[in-house]
């Protein structure tokens, strides 16, 4: 078995990642449930990576609104 020493994420082009310096991640359509406010990065697989390293499932995050200036 061969195990790679490089990350699979290094193989994706930079344009497949979405990074927000300041955004709000919502857990519902109406915007009542705020999961995160601040920097966030959407990975190619749909998961949302927070600055703490925590990942938010695509099933949990309904939508992301960039704050004005994004």
PDB file of N, CA and C in Angstrom:
ATOM      1  N   UNK A   1       0.846  -1.177   0.000  1.00  0.00           N
ATOM      2  CA  UNK A   1       0.000   0.000   0.000  1.00  0.00           C
ATOM      3  C   UNK A   1       0.891   1.239   0.000  1.00  0.00           C
ATOM      4  N   UNK A   2       0.536   2.214  -0.820  1.00  0.00           N
ATOM      5  CA  UNK A   2       1.287   3.461  -0.912  1.00  0.00           C
ATOM      6  C   UNK A   2       0.486   4.559  -0.224  1.00  0.00           C
ATOM      7  N   UNK A   3       1.150   5.299   0.657  1.00  0.00           N
ATOM      8  CA  UNK A   3       0.500   6.393   1.373  1.00  0.00           C
ATOM      9  C   UNK A   3       1.183   7.694   0.979  1.00  0.00           C
ATOM     10  N   UNK A   4       0.390   8.644   0.532  1.00  0.00           N
ATOM     11  CA  UNK A   4       0.930   9.935   0.117  1.00  0.00           C
ATOM     12  C   UNK A   4       1.300  10.774   1.332  1.00  0.00           C
ATOM     13  N   UNK A   5       2.334  11.566   1.193  1.00  0.00           N
ATOM     14  CA  UNK A   5       2.736  12.477   2.276  1.00  0.00           C
ATOM     15  C   UNK A   5       2.232  13.891   2.031  1.00  0.00           C
ATOM     16  N   UNK A   6       1.534  14.091   0.914  1.00  0.00           N
ATOM     17  CA  UNK A   6       0.980  15.416   0.619  1.00  0.00           C
ATOM     18  C   UNK A   6      -0.531  15.386   0.798  1.00  0.00           C
ATOM     19  N   UNK A   7      -1.085  16.535   1.059  1.00  0.00           N
ATOM     20  CA  UNK A   7      -2.519  16.652   1.269  1.00  0.00           C
ATOM     21  C   UNK A   7      -3.258  16.629  -0.061  1.00  0.00           C
ATOM     22  N   UNK A   8      -4.405  16.003  -0.065  1.00  0.00           N
ATOM     23  CA  UNK A   8      -5.245  15.992  -1.257  1.00  0.00           C
ATOM     24  C   UNK A   8      -5.706  17.397  -1.610  1.00  0.00           C
ATOM     25  N   UNK A   9      -5.884  18.260  -0.588  1.00  0.00           N
ATOM     26  CA  UNK A   9      -6.357  19.625  -0.830  1.00  0.00           C
ATOM     27  C   UNK A   9      -5.350  20.433  -1.636  1.00  0.00           C
ATOM     28  N   UNK A  10      -4.080  20.040  -1.622  1.00  0.00           N
ATOM     29  CA  UNK A  10      -3.073  20.740  -2.420  1.00  0.00           C
ATOM     30  C   UNK A  10      -3.300  20.531  -3.918  1.00  0.00           C
ATOM     31  N   UNK A  11      -4.051  19.507  -4.273  1.00  0.00           N
ATOM     32  CA  UNK A  11      -4.305  19.189  -5.673  1.00  0.00           C
ATOM     33  C   UNK A  11      -5.413  20.042  -6.288  1.00  0.00           C
ATOM     34  N   UNK A  12      -6.245  20.671  -5.451  1.00  0.00           N
ATOM     35  CA  UNK A  12      -7.340  21.491  -5.962  1.00  0.00           C
ATOM     36  C   UNK A  12      -6.832  22.880  -6.324  1.00  0.00           C
ATOM     37  N   UNK A  13      -7.324  23.442  -7.416  1.00  0.00           N
ATOM     38  CA  UNK A  13      -6.934  24.818  -7.753  1.00  0.00           C
ATOM     39  C   UNK A  13      -7.512  25.794  -6.730  1.00  0.00           C
ATOM     40  N   UNK A  14      -6.849  26.931  -6.570  1.00  0.00           N
ATOM     41  CA  UNK A  14      -7.270  27.925  -5.587  1.00  0.00           C
ATOM     42  C   UNK A  14      -8.677  28.455  -5.840  1.00  0.00           C
ATOM     43  N   UNK A  15      -9.131  28.433  -7.090  1.00  0.00           N
ATOM     44  CA  UNK A  15     -10.459  28.978  -7.372  1.00  0.00           C
ATOM     45  C   UNK A  15     -11.592  28.057  -6.921  1.00  0.00           C
ATOM     46  N   UNK A  16     -11.273  26.846  -6.452  1.00  0.00           N
ATOM     47  CA  UNK A  16     -12.317  25.963  -5.941  1.00  0.00           C
ATOM     48  C   UNK A  16     -12.566  26.205  -4.456  1.00  0.00           C
ATOM     49  N   UNK A  17     -11.776  27.074  -3.841  1.00  0.00           N
ATOM     50  CA  UNK A  17     -11.974  27.472  -2.446  1.00  0.00           C
ATOM     51  C   UNK A  17     -12.612  28.850  -2.416  1.00  0.00           C
ATOM     52  N   UNK A  18     -13.518  29.069  -1.463  1.00  0.00           N
ATOM     53  CA  UNK A  18     -14.104  30.400  -1.264  1.00  0.00           C
ATOM     54  C   UNK A  18     -13.702  30.842   0.122  1.00  0.00           C
ATOM     55  N   UNK A  19     -13.031  31.971   0.217  1.00  0.00           N
ATOM     56  CA  UNK A  19     -12.614  32.505   1.510  1.00  0.00           C
ATOM     57  C   UNK A  19     -13.310  33.826   1.769  1.00  0.00           C
ATOM     58  N   UNK A  20     -13.770  33.994   3.002  1.00  0.00           N
ATOM     59  CA  UNK A  20     -14.433  35.220   3.428  1.00  0.00           C
ATOM     60  C   UNK A  20     -13.690  35.776   4.633  1.00  0.00           C
ATOM     61  N   UNK A  21     -13.314  37.050   4.564  1.00  0.00           N
ATOM     62  CA  UNK A  21     -12.666  37.698   5.706  1.00  0.00           C
ATOM     63  C   UNK A  21     -13.666  37.985   6.814  1.00  0.00           C
ATOM     64  N   UNK A  22     -14.903  38.245   6.437  1.00  0.00           N
ATOM     65  CA  UNK A  22     -15.943  38.564   7.408  1.00  0.00           C
ATOM     66  C   UNK A  22     -17.286  38.127   6.832  1.00  0.00           C
ATOM     67  N   UNK A  23     -17.880  37.106   7.421  1.00  0.00           N
ATOM     68  CA  UNK A  23     -19.136  36.565   6.910  1.00  0.00           C
ATOM     69  C   UNK A  23     -19.971  36.019   8.061  1.00  0.00           C
ATOM     70  N   UNK A  24     -21.214  35.701   7.747  1.00  0.00           N
ATOM     71  CA  UNK A  24     -22.111  35.060   8.707  1.00  0.00           C
ATOM     72  C   UNK A  24     -22.560  33.731   8.104  1.00  0.00           C
ATOM     73  N   UNK A  25     -22.374  32.645   8.863  1.00  0.00           N
ATOM     74  CA  UNK A  25     -22.792  31.314   8.439  1.00  0.00           C
ATOM     75  C   UNK A  25     -24.106  31.002   9.155  1.00  0.00           C
ATOM     76  N   UNK A  26     -25.154  30.768   8.377  1.00  0.00           N
ATOM     77  CA  UNK A  26     -26.483  30.514   8.933  1.00  0.00           C
ATOM     78  C   UNK A  26     -26.837  29.030   8.855  1.00  0.00           C
ATOM     79  N   UNK A  27     -27.594  28.575   9.835  1.00  0.00           N
ATOM     80  CA  UNK A  27     -28.038  27.190   9.867  1.00  0.00           C
ATOM     81  C   UNK A  27     -29.463  27.001   9.390  1.00  0.00           C
ATOM     82  N   UNK A  28     -30.144  28.104   9.039  1.00  0.00           N
ATOM     83  CA  UNK A  28     -31.519  28.005   8.558  1.00  0.00           C
ATOM     84  C   UNK A  28     -31.785  29.052   7.488  1.00  0.00           C
ATOM     85  N   UNK A  29     -32.858  28.857   6.770  1.00  0.00           N
ATOM     86  CA  UNK A  29     -33.193  29.747   5.654  1.00  0.00           C
ATOM     87  C   UNK A  29     -33.511  31.166   6.107  1.00  0.00           C
ATOM     88  N   UNK A  30     -34.203  31.293   7.233  1.00  0.00           N
ATOM     89  CA  UNK A  30     -34.663  32.601   7.701  1.00  0.00           C
ATOM     90  C   UNK A  30     -33.571  33.434   8.360  1.00  0.00           C
ATOM     91  N   UNK A  31     -32.430  32.847   8.640  1.00  0.00           N
ATOM     92  CA  UNK A  31     -31.341  33.586   9.268  1.00  0.00           C
ATOM     93  C   UNK A  31     -31.491  33.732  10.766  1.00  0.00           C
ATOM     94  N   UNK A  32     -32.320  32.881  11.376  1.00  0.00           N
ATOM     95  CA  UNK A  32     -32.499  32.928  12.827  1.00  0.00           C
ATOM     96  C   UNK A  32     -31.378  32.202  13.568  1.00  0.00           C
ATOM     97  N   UNK A  33     -30.800  31.195  12.933  1.00  0.00           N
ATOM     98  CA  UNK A  33     -29.758  30.386  13.568  1.00  0.00           C
ATOM     99  C   UNK A  33     -28.401  30.774  12.978  1.00  0.00           C
ATOM    100  N   UNK A  34     -27.603  31.496  13.770  1.00  0.00           N
ATOM    101  CA  UNK A  34     -26.261  31.901  13.337  1.00  0.00           C
ATOM    102  C   UNK A  34     -25.267  30.884  13.885  1.00  0.00           C
ATOM    103  N   UNK A  35     -24.544  30.221  12.991  1.00  0.00           N
ATOM    104  CA  UNK A  35     -23.555  29.231  13.401  1.00  0.00           C
ATOM    105  C   UNK A  35     -22.186  29.851  13.640  1.00  0.00           C
ATOM    106  N   UNK A  36     -21.880  30.930  12.907  1.00  0.00           N
ATOM    107  CA  UNK A  36     -20.550  31.543  13.017  1.00  0.00           C
ATOM    108  C   UNK A  36     -20.584  32.939  12.411  1.00  0.00           C
ATOM    109  N   UNK A  37     -19.842  33.849  13.016  1.00  0.00           N
ATOM    110  CA  UNK A  37     -19.614  35.183  12.451  1.00  0.00           C
ATOM    111  C   UNK A  37     -18.116  35.423  12.426  1.00  0.00           C
ATOM    112  N   UNK A  38     -17.601  35.859  11.287  1.00  0.00           N
ATOM    113  CA  UNK A  38     -16.177  36.141  11.156  1.00  0.00           C
ATOM    114  C   UNK A  38     -15.606  35.449   9.938  1.00  0.00           C
ATOM    115  N   UNK A  39     -14.285  35.244   9.921  1.00  0.00           N
ATOM    116  CA  UNK A  39     -13.640  34.608   8.769  1.00  0.00           C
ATOM    117  C   UNK A  39     -14.124  33.167   8.589  1.00  0.00           C
ATOM    118  N   UNK A  40     -14.250  32.752   7.345  1.00  0.00           N
ATOM    119  CA  UNK A  40     -14.658  31.380   7.034  1.00  0.00           C
ATOM    120  C   UNK A  40     -14.124  31.014   5.660  1.00  0.00           C
ATOM    121  N   UNK A  41     -13.957  29.715   5.462  1.00  0.00           N
ATOM    122  CA  UNK A  41     -13.457  29.217   4.184  1.00  0.00           C
ATOM    123  C   UNK A  41     -14.312  28.026   3.770  1.00  0.00           C
ATOM    124  N   UNK A  42     -14.845  28.061   2.558  1.00  0.00           N
ATOM    125  CA  UNK A  42     -15.654  26.959   2.042  1.00  0.00           C
ATOM    126  C   UNK A  42     -14.736  26.058   1.217  1.00  0.00           C
ATOM    127  N   UNK A  43     -14.631  24.811   1.626  1.00  0.00           N
ATOM    128  CA  UNK A  43     -13.772  23.841   0.952  1.00  0.00           C
ATOM    129  C   UNK A  43     -14.482  23.269  -0.279  1.00  0.00           C
ATOM    130  N   UNK A  44     -13.734  22.672  -1.199  1.00  0.00           N
ATOM    131  CA  UNK A  44     -14.345  22.140  -2.426  1.00  0.00           C
ATOM    132  C   UNK A  44     -15.436  21.098  -2.168  1.00  0.00           C
ATOM    133  N   UNK A  45     -15.380  20.425  -1.028  1.00  0.00           N
ATOM    134  CA  UNK A  45     -16.387  19.407  -0.721  1.00  0.00           C
ATOM    135  C   UNK A  45     -17.621  19.989  -0.031  1.00  0.00           C
ATOM    136  N   UNK A  46     -17.662  21.326   0.148  1.00  0.00           N
ATOM    137  CA  UNK A  46     -18.823  21.977   0.734  1.00  0.00           C
ATOM    138  C   UNK A  46     -18.736  22.235   2.226  1.00  0.00           C
ATOM    139  N   UNK A  47     -17.769  21.644   2.894  1.00  0.00           N
ATOM    140  CA  UNK A  47     -17.606  21.885   4.323  1.00  0.00           C
ATOM    141  C   UNK A  47     -17.073  23.294   4.537  1.00  0.00           C
ATOM    142  N   UNK A  48     -17.454  23.897   5.654  1.00  0.00           N
ATOM    143  CA  UNK A  48     -17.019  25.252   5.992  1.00  0.00           C
ATOM    144  C   UNK A  48     -15.971  25.143   7.091  1.00  0.00           C
ATOM    145  N   UNK A  49     -14.775  25.673   6.823  1.00  0.00           N
ATOM    146  CA  UNK A  49     -13.685  25.642   7.803  1.00  0.00           C
ATOM    147  C   UNK A  49     -13.636  26.978   8.538  1.00  0.00           C
ATOM    148  N   UNK A  50     -13.625  26.898   9.870  1.00  0.00           N
ATOM    149  CA  UNK A  50     -13.555  28.087  10.710  1.00  0.00           C
ATOM    150  C   UNK A  50     -12.115  28.318  11.148  1.00  0.00           C
ATOM    151  N   UNK A  51     -11.766  29.535  11.594  1.00  0.00           N
ATOM    152  CA  UNK A  51     -10.384  29.825  11.993  1.00  0.00           C
ATOM    153  C   UNK A  51      -9.864  28.904  13.098  1.00  0.00           C
ATOM    154  N   UNK A  52     -10.749  28.377  13.924  1.00  0.00           N
ATOM    155  CA  UNK A  52     -10.345  27.475  15.007  1.00  0.00           C
ATOM    156  C   UNK A  52      -9.939  26.106  14.483  1.00  0.00           C
ATOM    157  N   UNK A  53     -10.217  25.841  13.199  1.00  0.00           N
ATOM    158  CA  UNK A  53      -9.949  24.532  12.628  1.00  0.00           C
ATOM    159  C   UNK A  53     -11.183  23.646  12.616  1.00  0.00           C
ATOM    160  N   UNK A  54     -12.214  24.077  13.312  1.00  0.00           N
ATOM    161  CA  UNK A  54     -13.470  23.321  13.346  1.00  0.00           C
ATOM    162  C   UNK A  54     -14.114  23.363  11.965  1.00  0.00           C
ATOM    163  N   UNK A  55     -14.760  22.256  11.600  1.00  0.00           N
ATOM    164  CA  UNK A  55     -15.443  22.155  10.317  1.00  0.00           C
ATOM    165  C   UNK A  55     -16.947  22.107  10.541  1.00  0.00           C
ATOM    166  N   UNK A  56     -17.686  22.824   9.707  1.00  0.00           N
ATOM    167  CA  UNK A  56     -19.146  22.822   9.751  1.00  0.00           C
ATOM    168  C   UNK A  56     -19.633  22.042   8.532  1.00  0.00           C
ATOM    169  N   UNK A  57     -20.472  21.057   8.775  1.00  0.00           N
ATOM    170  CA  UNK A  57     -20.996  20.195   7.723  1.00  0.00           C
ATOM    171  C   UNK A  57     -21.854  20.975   6.732  1.00  0.00           C
ATOM    172  N   UNK A  58     -21.827  20.582   5.458  1.00  0.00           N
ATOM    173  CA  UNK A  58     -22.715  21.212   4.483  1.00  0.00           C
ATOM    174  C   UNK A  58     -24.189  21.004   4.847  1.00  0.00           C
ATOM    175  N   UNK A  59     -24.489  19.949   5.583  1.00  0.00           N
ATOM    176  CA  UNK A  59     -25.866  19.713   6.025  1.00  0.00           C
ATOM    177  C   UNK A  59     -26.283  20.690   7.109  1.00  0.00           C
ATOM    178  N   UNK A  60     -25.321  21.203   7.881  1.00  0.00           N
ATOM    179  CA  UNK A  60     -25.623  22.128   8.977  1.00  0.00           C
ATOM    180  C   UNK A  60     -25.685  23.578   8.502  1.00  0.00           C
ATOM    181  N   UNK A  61     -24.846  23.931   7.541  1.00  0.00           N
ATOM    182  CA  UNK A  61     -24.788  25.320   7.063  1.00  0.00           C
ATOM    183  C   UNK A  61     -25.773  25.501   5.912  1.00  0.00           C
ATOM    184  N   UNK A  62     -26.780  26.341   6.121  1.00  0.00           N
ATOM    185  CA  UNK A  62     -27.769  26.588   5.064  1.00  0.00           C
ATOM    186  C   UNK A  62     -27.224  27.558   4.022  1.00  0.00           C
ATOM    187  N   UNK A  63     -26.628  28.677   4.492  1.00  0.00           N
ATOM    188  CA  UNK A  63     -26.035  29.633   3.552  1.00  0.00           C
ATOM    189  C   UNK A  63     -25.054  30.542   4.280  1.00  0.00           C
ATOM    190  N   UNK A  64     -24.241  31.236   3.494  1.00  0.00           N
ATOM    191  CA  UNK A  64     -23.243  32.167   4.024  1.00  0.00           C
ATOM    192  C   UNK A  64     -23.482  33.520   3.374  1.00  0.00           C
ATOM    193  N   UNK A  65     -23.586  34.538   4.211  1.00  0.00           N
ATOM    194  CA  UNK A  65     -23.707  35.908   3.713  1.00  0.00           C
ATOM    195  C   UNK A  65     -22.414  36.651   4.005  1.00  0.00           C
ATOM    196  N   UNK A  66     -21.710  37.099   2.958  1.00  0.00           N
ATOM    197  CA  UNK A  66     -20.547  37.953   3.212  1.00  0.00           C
ATOM    198  C   UNK A  66     -21.027  39.289   3.754  1.00  0.00           C
ATOM    199  N   UNK A  67     -20.288  39.824   4.702  1.00  0.00           N
ATOM    200  CA  UNK A  67     -20.646  41.143   5.234  1.00  0.00           C
ATOM    201  C   UNK A  67     -20.238  42.199   4.215  1.00  0.00           C
ATOM    202  N   UNK A  68     -20.840  43.375   4.242  1.00  0.00           N
ATOM    203  CA  UNK A  68     -20.505  44.431   3.275  1.00  0.00           C
ATOM    204  C   UNK A  68     -19.001  44.673   3.195  1.00  0.00           C
ATOM    205  N   UNK A  69     -18.533  44.863   1.986  1.00  0.00           N
ATOM    206  CA  UNK A  69     -17.113  45.085   1.774  1.00  0.00           C
ATOM    207  C   UNK A  69     -16.411  43.851   1.256  1.00  0.00           C
ATOM    208  N   UNK A  70     -17.100  42.722   1.200  1.00  0.00           N
ATOM    209  CA  UNK A  70     -16.518  41.478   0.698  1.00  0.00           C
ATOM    210  C   UNK A  70     -16.533  41.483  -0.811  1.00  0.00           C
TER     211      UNK A  70
END
